[in-house]
């Protein structure tokens, strides 16, 4: 399994728009591109963190454009949402020093699995 963590800050006027498009894209990837799940968080200090899980890096890379243009196989509205989120990221780059995503291979996963004692 593969996971990616994104961290960023947003200008208050862009928070609602970002949340809308994040939700739309995450839902699409779960329903149509084999994503396992995603979660969006906001800290008290204004730091936003998004976390997504995929079966493997190849599945994620085939869907998410990274710094490039959205995959042409994606529907137009999803490509538009990705482009809009990339624009918001660029517009907010002055708020945070490091926008690099953190890519991780999942070694031991207990998320969402209640452990029986």
C-alpha atoms as a PDB file:
ATOM      1  CA  UNK A   1       0.000   0.000   0.000  1.00  0.00           C
ATOM      2  CA  UNK A   2       1.098   3.565  -0.699  1.00  0.00           C
ATOM      3  CA  UNK A   3       0.259   6.815   1.105  1.00  0.00           C
ATOM      4  CA  UNK A   4       0.840  10.478   0.400  1.00  0.00           C
ATOM      5  CA  UNK A   5       0.746  13.365   2.858  1.00  0.00           C
ATOM      6  CA  UNK A   6       0.237  16.923   1.624  1.00  0.00           C
ATOM      7  CA  UNK A   7       0.695  19.940   3.887  1.00  0.00           C
ATOM      8  CA  UNK A   8      -0.108  23.523   3.048  1.00  0.00           C
ATOM      9  CA  UNK A   9      -1.652  26.760   4.230  1.00  0.00           C
ATOM     10  CA  UNK A  10      -4.567  28.560   2.611  1.00  0.00           C
ATOM     11  CA  UNK A  11      -5.762  32.114   2.642  1.00  0.00           C
ATOM     12  CA  UNK A  12      -9.096  32.178   4.508  1.00  0.00           C
ATOM     13  CA  UNK A  13     -11.018  33.305   1.410  1.00  0.00           C
ATOM     14  CA  UNK A  14      -9.907  30.147  -0.431  1.00  0.00           C
ATOM     15  CA  UNK A  15     -10.616  27.537   2.248  1.00  0.00           C
ATOM     16  CA  UNK A  16     -14.197  26.726   1.250  1.00  0.00           C
ATOM     17  CA  UNK A  17     -13.351  26.493  -2.444  1.00  0.00           C
ATOM     18  CA  UNK A  18     -10.369  24.236  -1.745  1.00  0.00           C
ATOM     19  CA  UNK A  19     -12.464  21.951   0.487  1.00  0.00           C
ATOM     20  CA  UNK A  20     -15.126  21.628  -2.210  1.00  0.00           C
ATOM     21  CA  UNK A  21     -12.660  20.613  -4.914  1.00  0.00           C
ATOM     22  CA  UNK A  22     -10.646  18.361  -2.592  1.00  0.00           C
ATOM     23  CA  UNK A  23     -13.839  16.473  -1.707  1.00  0.00           C
ATOM     24  CA  UNK A  24     -14.860  16.170  -5.360  1.00  0.00           C
ATOM     25  CA  UNK A  25     -11.461  14.839  -6.455  1.00  0.00           C
ATOM     26  CA  UNK A  26     -11.012  12.481  -3.487  1.00  0.00           C
ATOM     27  CA  UNK A  27     -14.482  11.001  -4.037  1.00  0.00           C
ATOM     28  CA  UNK A  28     -13.783  10.478  -7.733  1.00  0.00           C
ATOM     29  CA  UNK A  29     -10.451   8.766  -7.054  1.00  0.00           C
ATOM     30  CA  UNK A  30     -12.057   6.444  -4.502  1.00  0.00           C
ATOM     31  CA  UNK A  31     -14.985   5.537  -6.776  1.00  0.00           C
ATOM     32  CA  UNK A  32     -13.182   5.344 -10.121  1.00  0.00           C
ATOM     33  CA  UNK A  33      -9.386   5.151  -9.698  1.00  0.00           C
ATOM     34  CA  UNK A  34      -8.889   2.600  -6.887  1.00  0.00           C
ATOM     35  CA  UNK A  35      -7.876   5.059  -4.162  1.00  0.00           C
ATOM     36  CA  UNK A  36      -8.389   3.498  -0.744  1.00  0.00           C
ATOM     37  CA  UNK A  37      -9.334   6.710   1.019  1.00  0.00           C
ATOM     38  CA  UNK A  38      -8.389  10.247   1.885  1.00  0.00           C
ATOM     39  CA  UNK A  39      -8.704  12.613   4.817  1.00  0.00           C
ATOM     40  CA  UNK A  40      -8.404  16.398   5.063  1.00  0.00           C
ATOM     41  CA  UNK A  41      -7.390  18.082   8.336  1.00  0.00           C
ATOM     42  CA  UNK A  42      -6.974  21.656   9.526  1.00  0.00           C
ATOM     43  CA  UNK A  43      -4.828  22.522  12.539  1.00  0.00           C
ATOM     44  CA  UNK A  44      -5.375  25.344  14.989  1.00  0.00           C
ATOM     45  CA  UNK A  45      -2.308  27.062  13.511  1.00  0.00           C
ATOM     46  CA  UNK A  46      -3.873  27.197  10.024  1.00  0.00           C
ATOM     47  CA  UNK A  47      -1.877  24.262   8.679  1.00  0.00           C
ATOM     48  CA  UNK A  48      -3.893  22.019   6.374  1.00  0.00           C
ATOM     49  CA  UNK A  49      -2.896  18.372   5.981  1.00  0.00           C
ATOM     50  CA  UNK A  50      -4.381  15.930   3.498  1.00  0.00           C
ATOM     51  CA  UNK A  51      -3.637  12.227   3.542  1.00  0.00           C
ATOM     52  CA  UNK A  52      -4.480   9.747   0.795  1.00  0.00           C
ATOM     53  CA  UNK A  53      -3.977   5.993   0.508  1.00  0.00           C
ATOM     54  CA  UNK A  54      -3.619   3.951  -2.653  1.00  0.00           C
ATOM     55  CA  UNK A  55      -2.997   0.277  -3.429  1.00  0.00           C
ATOM     56  CA  UNK A  56       0.452   1.225  -4.801  1.00  0.00           C
ATOM     57  CA  UNK A  57       2.467   4.148  -6.147  1.00  0.00           C
ATOM     58  CA  UNK A  58       1.768   3.235  -9.774  1.00  0.00           C
ATOM     59  CA  UNK A  59      -2.012   3.473  -9.286  1.00  0.00           C
ATOM     60  CA  UNK A  60      -1.644   6.863  -7.621  1.00  0.00           C
ATOM     61  CA  UNK A  61       0.774   8.195 -10.233  1.00  0.00           C
ATOM     62  CA  UNK A  62      -1.563   7.114 -13.044  1.00  0.00           C
ATOM     63  CA  UNK A  63      -4.282   9.344 -11.561  1.00  0.00           C
ATOM     64  CA  UNK A  64      -2.568  12.288  -9.907  1.00  0.00           C
ATOM     65  CA  UNK A  65      -0.604  14.664 -12.144  1.00  0.00           C
ATOM     66  CA  UNK A  66       2.035  15.738  -9.638  1.00  0.00           C
ATOM     67  CA  UNK A  67       3.285  19.076 -10.884  1.00  0.00           C
ATOM     68  CA  UNK A  68       2.155  18.415 -14.459  1.00  0.00           C
ATOM     69  CA  UNK A  69      -1.167  18.650 -16.201  1.00  0.00           C
ATOM     70  CA  UNK A  70      -4.005  16.372 -15.107  1.00  0.00           C
ATOM     71  CA  UNK A  71      -4.242  12.979 -16.773  1.00  0.00           C
ATOM     72  CA  UNK A  72      -6.287  13.316 -19.986  1.00  0.00           C
ATOM     73  CA  UNK A  73      -8.179  10.125 -19.091  1.00  0.00           C
ATOM     74  CA  UNK A  74      -9.860  11.967 -16.218  1.00  0.00           C
ATOM     75  CA  UNK A  75     -13.242  13.626 -16.807  1.00  0.00           C
ATOM     76  CA  UNK A  76     -13.143  17.309 -17.703  1.00  0.00           C
ATOM     77  CA  UNK A  77     -14.683  18.453 -14.389  1.00  0.00           C
ATOM     78  CA  UNK A  78     -12.068  16.512 -12.373  1.00  0.00           C
ATOM     79  CA  UNK A  79      -9.227  17.902 -14.514  1.00  0.00           C
ATOM     80  CA  UNK A  80     -10.666  21.381 -13.937  1.00  0.00           C
ATOM     81  CA  UNK A  81     -10.799  20.810 -10.157  1.00  0.00           C
ATOM     82  CA  UNK A  82      -7.187  19.572 -10.141  1.00  0.00           C
ATOM     83  CA  UNK A  83      -6.049  22.607 -12.117  1.00  0.00           C
ATOM     84  CA  UNK A  84      -7.937  24.905  -9.750  1.00  0.00           C
ATOM     85  CA  UNK A  85      -6.317  23.248  -6.702  1.00  0.00           C
ATOM     86  CA  UNK A  86      -2.886  23.622  -8.329  1.00  0.00           C
ATOM     87  CA  UNK A  87      -3.620  27.320  -8.892  1.00  0.00           C
ATOM     88  CA  UNK A  88      -4.657  27.753  -5.251  1.00  0.00           C
ATOM     89  CA  UNK A  89      -1.442  26.011  -4.167  1.00  0.00           C
ATOM     90  CA  UNK A  90       0.605  28.457  -6.260  1.00  0.00           C
ATOM     91  CA  UNK A  91      -1.344  31.461  -4.966  1.00  0.00           C
ATOM     92  CA  UNK A  92      -0.632  30.400  -1.376  1.00  0.00           C
ATOM     93  CA  UNK A  93       3.039  29.503  -1.779  1.00  0.00           C
ATOM     94  CA  UNK A  94       4.007  32.617   0.184  1.00  0.00           C
ATOM     95  CA  UNK A  95       2.270  31.231   3.305  1.00  0.00           C
ATOM     96  CA  UNK A  96       4.348  28.067   3.708  1.00  0.00           C
ATOM     97  CA  UNK A  97       7.979  27.245   3.020  1.00  0.00           C
ATOM     98  CA  UNK A  98       7.667  23.601   2.008  1.00  0.00           C
ATOM     99  CA  UNK A  99       4.838  22.307  -0.158  1.00  0.00           C
ATOM    100  CA  UNK A 100       6.547  19.041  -1.032  1.00  0.00           C
ATOM    101  CA  UNK A 101       4.320  16.013  -0.750  1.00  0.00           C
ATOM    102  CA  UNK A 102       5.524  13.203   1.477  1.00  0.00           C
ATOM    103  CA  UNK A 103       5.317   9.799  -0.214  1.00  0.00           C
ATOM    104  CA  UNK A 104       5.278   6.741   2.018  1.00  0.00           C
ATOM    105  CA  UNK A 105       5.142   2.983   1.632  1.00  0.00           C
ATOM    106  CA  UNK A 106       2.721   1.601   4.222  1.00  0.00           C
ATOM    107  CA  UNK A 107       4.473  -0.979   6.416  1.00  0.00           C
ATOM    108  CA  UNK A 108       1.907  -1.709   9.123  1.00  0.00           C
ATOM    109  CA  UNK A 109      -1.676  -0.469   8.738  1.00  0.00           C
ATOM    110  CA  UNK A 110      -4.127  -0.341  11.612  1.00  0.00           C
ATOM    111  CA  UNK A 111      -6.108   2.651  10.331  1.00  0.00           C
ATOM    112  CA  UNK A 112      -9.800   1.866  10.397  1.00  0.00           C
ATOM    113  CA  UNK A 113      -9.214  -1.640  11.749  1.00  0.00           C
ATOM    114  CA  UNK A 114     -10.227  -1.980  15.400  1.00  0.00           C
ATOM    115  CA  UNK A 115      -7.759  -4.217  17.178  1.00  0.00           C
ATOM    116  CA  UNK A 116      -9.271  -6.819  19.474  1.00  0.00           C
ATOM    117  CA  UNK A 117      -7.542  -7.222  22.785  1.00  0.00           C
END
